[in-house]
Protein backbone atom coordinates (compact mmCIF):
# COMPACT_ATOMS: atom_id res chain seq x y z
CA UNK A 1 137.93 115.42 98.68
CA UNK A 2 138.02 111.68 98.71
CA UNK A 3 141.60 110.29 98.63
CA UNK A 4 141.15 106.56 99.11
CA UNK A 5 137.81 104.71 99.13
CA UNK A 6 137.30 101.78 101.43
CA UNK A 7 135.29 99.09 99.60
CA UNK A 8 134.80 96.88 102.70
CA UNK A 9 132.09 99.19 104.13
CA UNK A 10 133.98 99.68 107.40
CA UNK A 11 134.06 103.45 107.09
CA UNK A 12 137.80 103.63 106.77
CA UNK A 13 137.89 105.88 103.70
CA UNK A 14 140.43 108.69 103.80
CA UNK A 15 139.66 112.28 102.86
CA UNK A 16 141.49 115.57 102.49
CA UNK A 17 140.12 118.90 103.73
CA UNK A 18 139.18 121.02 100.76
CA UNK A 19 140.43 124.19 102.53
CA UNK A 20 143.56 123.35 104.39
CA UNK A 21 144.50 119.90 102.92
CA UNK A 22 144.55 118.17 106.30
CA UNK A 23 144.15 114.37 106.32
CA UNK A 24 140.70 113.28 107.49
CA UNK A 25 138.89 110.03 108.28
CA UNK A 26 135.22 109.32 108.01
CA UNK A 27 134.71 110.24 111.65
CA UNK A 28 136.59 113.50 111.61
CA UNK A 29 135.25 115.09 108.42
CA UNK A 30 132.31 117.47 108.00
CA UNK A 31 130.50 117.27 104.70
CA UNK A 32 128.79 120.41 103.36
CA UNK A 33 125.90 119.66 101.09
CA UNK A 34 123.99 121.95 98.73
CA UNK A 35 120.56 121.35 97.29
CA UNK A 36 119.60 123.39 94.25
CA UNK A 37 116.13 122.02 93.66
CA UNK A 38 114.04 119.11 94.79
CA UNK A 39 116.50 116.47 93.59
CA UNK A 40 118.86 114.71 95.93
CA UNK A 41 121.49 116.93 97.67
CA UNK A 42 124.84 117.38 96.01
CA UNK A 43 127.99 117.21 98.21
CA UNK A 44 130.26 120.16 97.59
CA UNK A 45 132.95 120.25 100.34
CA UNK A 46 134.71 118.02 102.87
CA UNK A 47 135.99 120.08 105.74
CA UNK A 48 137.96 119.37 108.97
CA UNK A 49 136.50 120.45 112.28
CA UNK A 50 138.70 123.66 112.40
CA UNK A 51 137.71 124.79 108.90
CA UNK A 52 134.03 123.92 109.47
CA UNK A 53 134.05 126.05 112.71
CA UNK A 54 135.65 128.94 110.75
CA UNK A 55 133.00 128.67 108.06
CA UNK A 56 130.24 128.66 110.62
CA UNK A 57 131.66 131.69 112.36
CA UNK A 58 131.83 133.53 109.04
CA UNK A 59 128.24 132.72 108.19
CA UNK A 60 126.94 133.73 111.62
CA UNK A 61 128.96 136.97 111.56
CA UNK A 62 127.60 137.80 108.12
CA UNK A 63 124.04 137.30 109.21
CA UNK A 64 124.12 140.06 111.88
């Protein structure tokens, strides 16, 4: 989730991981987007690299 927005367009906004509450920057976060129909995608989650990898492993394990 967005904690502090940077209005100077330098990409220095701060985020919090929606799963483990770790502090993130624009470079270290992974955004998960969901598109329900042909409209623009809707962002659902901001995850850290560790939580993103865990989600990816869970999806791949469930597909087998």
